[in-house]
């Protein structure tokens, strides 16, 4: 997550690190001038990231498979079970 320090600089820390941070550690970050000024309001936004490509080995919809190909599937068991 991005956290803006009181001096206006931004640091990237995990939520666990933020929750574990004491007041002294926060003052240390400010005193030693950690972080950067961010002028871009969309920095680190998921909106600016490219969408993930679809997986090539995705299972096709059953409506897209021709009926002949469905019948040729070697894993289909055509025998009916007897009760």
N, C-alpha and C. Protein backbone atom coordinates (compact mmCIF):
# COMPACT_ATOMS: atom_id res chain seq x y z
N UNK A 1 0.84 -1.18 0.00
CA UNK A 1 0.00 0.00 0.00
C UNK A 1 0.88 1.24 0.00
N UNK A 2 0.34 2.32 -0.50
CA UNK A 2 1.06 3.59 -0.48
C UNK A 2 0.61 4.36 0.75
N UNK A 3 1.58 4.92 1.47
CA UNK A 3 1.27 5.69 2.67
C UNK A 3 1.96 7.04 2.55
N UNK A 4 1.17 8.10 2.71
CA UNK A 4 1.74 9.44 2.64
C UNK A 4 2.12 9.90 4.03
N UNK A 5 3.39 10.23 4.17
CA UNK A 5 3.92 10.72 5.44
C UNK A 5 3.43 12.15 5.67
N UNK A 6 3.45 12.62 6.91
CA UNK A 6 3.02 14.00 7.19
C UNK A 6 3.82 15.07 6.46
N UNK A 7 5.05 14.75 6.02
CA UNK A 7 5.84 15.74 5.28
C UNK A 7 5.48 15.77 3.79
N UNK A 8 4.52 14.93 3.35
CA UNK A 8 4.07 14.95 1.97
C UNK A 8 4.70 13.89 1.09
N UNK A 9 5.72 13.21 1.57
CA UNK A 9 6.36 12.17 0.79
C UNK A 9 5.58 10.86 0.94
N UNK A 10 5.70 10.01 -0.08
CA UNK A 10 4.96 8.76 -0.12
C UNK A 10 5.93 7.59 -0.04
N UNK A 11 5.58 6.60 0.77
CA UNK A 11 6.35 5.36 0.85
C UNK A 11 5.42 4.20 0.54
N UNK A 12 6.00 3.09 0.10
CA UNK A 12 5.22 1.89 -0.15
C UNK A 12 5.56 0.85 0.90
N UNK A 13 4.56 0.47 1.68
CA UNK A 13 4.73 -0.53 2.73
C UNK A 13 3.52 -1.46 2.72
N UNK A 14 3.70 -2.63 3.31
CA UNK A 14 2.57 -3.55 3.40
C UNK A 14 1.65 -3.12 4.54
N UNK A 15 0.47 -3.65 4.53
CA UNK A 15 -0.49 -3.32 5.59
C UNK A 15 0.01 -3.80 6.94
N UNK A 16 0.64 -4.98 6.96
CA UNK A 16 1.18 -5.50 8.22
C UNK A 16 2.27 -4.59 8.78
N UNK A 17 3.14 -4.08 7.88
CA UNK A 17 4.20 -3.17 8.33
C UNK A 17 3.59 -1.89 8.91
N UNK A 18 2.55 -1.39 8.27
CA UNK A 18 1.90 -0.17 8.75
C UNK A 18 1.28 -0.41 10.12
N UNK A 19 0.61 -1.54 10.27
CA UNK A 19 -0.04 -1.81 11.56
C UNK A 19 0.97 -2.06 12.68
N UNK A 20 2.14 -2.57 12.33
CA UNK A 20 3.18 -2.83 13.33
C UNK A 20 4.05 -1.61 13.61
N UNK A 21 3.91 -0.53 12.83
CA UNK A 21 4.78 0.64 12.96
C UNK A 21 4.45 1.44 14.23
N UNK A 22 5.49 1.78 14.95
CA UNK A 22 5.31 2.61 16.14
C UNK A 22 5.46 4.08 15.77
N UNK A 23 5.13 4.95 16.70
CA UNK A 23 5.27 6.39 16.47
C UNK A 23 6.74 6.76 16.26
N UNK A 24 7.64 6.08 16.94
CA UNK A 24 9.06 6.36 16.79
C UNK A 24 9.54 6.01 15.38
N UNK A 25 9.06 4.91 14.85
CA UNK A 25 9.45 4.53 13.49
C UNK A 25 8.91 5.52 12.46
N UNK A 26 7.73 6.01 12.69
CA UNK A 26 7.16 7.02 11.81
C UNK A 26 8.00 8.30 11.86
N UNK A 27 8.38 8.72 13.03
CA UNK A 27 9.24 9.90 13.18
C UNK A 27 10.60 9.68 12.53
N UNK A 28 11.12 8.45 12.61
CA UNK A 28 12.39 8.12 11.97
C UNK A 28 12.30 8.30 10.46
N UNK A 29 11.20 7.81 9.85
CA UNK A 29 11.02 7.95 8.41
C UNK A 29 10.96 9.42 7.99
N UNK A 30 10.30 10.22 8.80
CA UNK A 30 10.18 11.65 8.49
C UNK A 30 11.53 12.35 8.67
N UNK A 31 12.24 12.01 9.75
CA UNK A 31 13.50 12.67 10.06
C UNK A 31 14.57 12.37 9.01
N UNK A 32 14.61 11.15 8.52
CA UNK A 32 15.63 10.77 7.54
C UNK A 32 15.17 10.96 6.11
N UNK A 33 14.04 11.64 5.94
CA UNK A 33 13.57 12.08 4.63
C UNK A 33 13.32 10.92 3.66
N UNK A 34 12.73 9.83 4.18
CA UNK A 34 12.39 8.70 3.32
C UNK A 34 11.21 9.04 2.44
N UNK A 35 11.11 8.35 1.32
CA UNK A 35 9.97 8.50 0.43
C UNK A 35 10.24 9.43 -0.73
N UNK A 36 9.22 9.57 -1.57
CA UNK A 36 9.31 10.42 -2.74
C UNK A 36 8.02 11.24 -2.84
N UNK A 37 8.12 12.38 -3.48
CA UNK A 37 6.92 13.16 -3.77
C UNK A 37 6.26 12.55 -5.01
N UNK A 38 4.98 12.30 -4.94
CA UNK A 38 4.25 11.75 -6.07
C UNK A 38 3.32 12.82 -6.63
N UNK A 39 3.53 13.17 -7.87
CA UNK A 39 2.69 14.16 -8.52
C UNK A 39 1.59 13.50 -9.34
N UNK A 40 1.77 12.23 -9.66
CA UNK A 40 0.79 11.50 -10.45
C UNK A 40 -0.24 10.88 -9.52
N UNK A 41 -1.51 11.31 -9.59
CA UNK A 41 -2.51 10.73 -8.69
C UNK A 41 -2.84 9.28 -9.00
N UNK A 42 -2.45 8.79 -10.17
CA UNK A 42 -2.74 7.41 -10.55
C UNK A 42 -1.54 6.49 -10.34
N UNK A 43 -0.51 6.94 -9.63
CA UNK A 43 0.66 6.11 -9.38
C UNK A 43 0.27 4.86 -8.59
N UNK A 44 0.63 3.70 -9.11
CA UNK A 44 0.35 2.44 -8.42
C UNK A 44 -1.10 1.99 -8.54
N UNK A 45 -1.89 2.64 -9.37
CA UNK A 45 -3.29 2.30 -9.50
C UNK A 45 -3.45 1.06 -10.37
N UNK A 46 -4.43 0.22 -10.03
CA UNK A 46 -4.71 -0.94 -10.86
C UNK A 46 -5.35 -0.52 -12.18
N UNK A 47 -5.88 0.69 -12.23
CA UNK A 47 -6.50 1.17 -13.46
C UNK A 47 -5.46 1.40 -14.56
N UNK A 48 -4.22 1.70 -14.17
CA UNK A 48 -3.19 1.97 -15.15
C UNK A 48 -2.47 0.70 -15.61
N UNK A 49 -2.72 -0.43 -14.96
CA UNK A 49 -2.07 -1.68 -15.34
C UNK A 49 -2.81 -2.33 -16.49
N UNK A 50 -2.06 -3.04 -17.31
CA UNK A 50 -2.63 -3.75 -18.44
C UNK A 50 -3.37 -4.99 -17.93
N UNK A 51 -4.48 -5.34 -18.59
CA UNK A 51 -5.19 -6.55 -18.17
C UNK A 51 -4.35 -7.79 -18.46
N UNK A 52 -4.56 -8.82 -17.66
CA UNK A 52 -3.83 -10.06 -17.86
C UNK A 52 -4.29 -10.74 -19.14
N UNK A 53 -3.36 -11.31 -19.89
CA UNK A 53 -3.78 -12.03 -21.09
C UNK A 53 -4.53 -13.30 -20.68
N UNK A 54 -5.45 -13.71 -21.54
CA UNK A 54 -6.20 -14.92 -21.26
C UNK A 54 -5.28 -16.12 -21.35
N UNK A 55 -5.55 -17.12 -20.54
CA UNK A 55 -4.73 -18.31 -20.57
C UNK A 55 -5.03 -19.09 -21.84
N UNK A 56 -4.01 -19.54 -22.56
CA UNK A 56 -4.25 -20.24 -23.83
C UNK A 56 -4.91 -21.61 -23.65
N UNK A 57 -4.73 -22.22 -22.49
CA UNK A 57 -5.29 -23.55 -22.29
C UNK A 57 -6.61 -23.48 -21.50
N UNK A 58 -7.37 -22.42 -21.73
CA UNK A 58 -8.65 -22.28 -21.07
C UNK A 58 -9.64 -23.29 -21.64
N UNK A 59 -10.54 -23.75 -20.82
CA UNK A 59 -11.53 -24.73 -21.25
C UNK A 59 -12.58 -24.03 -22.10
N UNK A 60 -12.81 -24.52 -23.33
CA UNK A 60 -13.81 -23.88 -24.18
C UNK A 60 -15.23 -24.19 -23.68
N UNK A 61 -16.14 -23.34 -24.03
CA UNK A 61 -17.53 -23.55 -23.67
C UNK A 61 -18.07 -24.75 -24.44
N UNK A 62 -18.93 -25.53 -23.81
CA UNK A 62 -19.47 -26.72 -24.47
C UNK A 62 -20.33 -26.37 -25.67
N UNK A 63 -20.88 -25.18 -25.70
CA UNK A 63 -21.69 -24.77 -26.85
C UNK A 63 -20.82 -24.44 -28.05
N UNK A 64 -19.51 -24.20 -27.83
CA UNK A 64 -18.62 -23.87 -28.94
C UNK A 64 -18.00 -25.11 -29.59
N UNK A 65 -18.13 -26.28 -28.95
CA UNK A 65 -17.53 -27.50 -29.47
C UNK A 65 -18.55 -28.17 -30.41
N UNK A 66 -18.11 -28.52 -31.61
CA UNK A 66 -19.04 -29.19 -32.53
C UNK A 66 -19.50 -30.54 -31.95
N UNK A 67 -20.70 -30.97 -32.31
CA UNK A 67 -21.28 -32.20 -31.77
C UNK A 67 -20.44 -33.42 -32.14
N UNK A 68 -19.89 -33.46 -33.35
CA UNK A 68 -19.05 -34.58 -33.76
C UNK A 68 -17.83 -34.73 -32.86
N UNK A 69 -17.24 -33.62 -32.50
CA UNK A 69 -16.06 -33.65 -31.64
C UNK A 69 -16.43 -34.12 -30.24
N UNK A 70 -17.61 -33.75 -29.77
CA UNK A 70 -18.06 -34.20 -28.45
C UNK A 70 -18.21 -35.72 -28.43
N UNK A 71 -18.74 -36.29 -29.51
CA UNK A 71 -18.96 -37.74 -29.57
C UNK A 71 -17.66 -38.51 -29.74
N UNK A 72 -16.62 -37.88 -30.27
CA UNK A 72 -15.33 -38.55 -30.48
C UNK A 72 -14.45 -38.52 -29.24
N UNK A 73 -14.89 -37.90 -28.16
CA UNK A 73 -14.09 -37.79 -26.94
C UNK A 73 -13.88 -39.17 -26.33
N UNK A 74 -12.64 -39.64 -26.15
CA UNK A 74 -12.39 -40.99 -25.63
C UNK A 74 -12.77 -41.15 -24.15
N UNK A 75 -12.99 -40.07 -23.43
CA UNK A 75 -13.30 -40.17 -22.00
C UNK A 75 -14.80 -40.31 -21.73
N UNK A 76 -15.62 -40.26 -22.78
CA UNK A 76 -17.06 -40.37 -22.59
C UNK A 76 -17.44 -41.83 -22.44
N UNK A 77 -18.22 -42.12 -21.43
CA UNK A 77 -18.69 -43.47 -21.18
C UNK A 77 -20.13 -43.58 -21.68
N UNK A 78 -20.33 -44.33 -22.78
CA UNK A 78 -21.67 -44.42 -23.39
C UNK A 78 -22.53 -45.50 -22.73
N UNK A 79 -21.96 -46.34 -21.92
CA UNK A 79 -22.74 -47.41 -21.29
C UNK A 79 -23.53 -46.84 -20.13
N UNK A 80 -24.77 -47.25 -20.05
CA UNK A 80 -25.62 -46.78 -18.97
C UNK A 80 -25.40 -47.67 -17.75
N UNK A 81 -25.48 -47.05 -16.62
CA UNK A 81 -25.32 -47.81 -15.37
C UNK A 81 -26.62 -48.51 -15.04
N UNK A 82 -26.49 -49.71 -14.55
CA UNK A 82 -27.68 -50.46 -14.14
C UNK A 82 -27.87 -50.30 -12.64
N UNK A 83 -29.11 -50.12 -12.26
CA UNK A 83 -29.41 -49.95 -10.81
C UNK A 83 -29.47 -51.25 -10.10
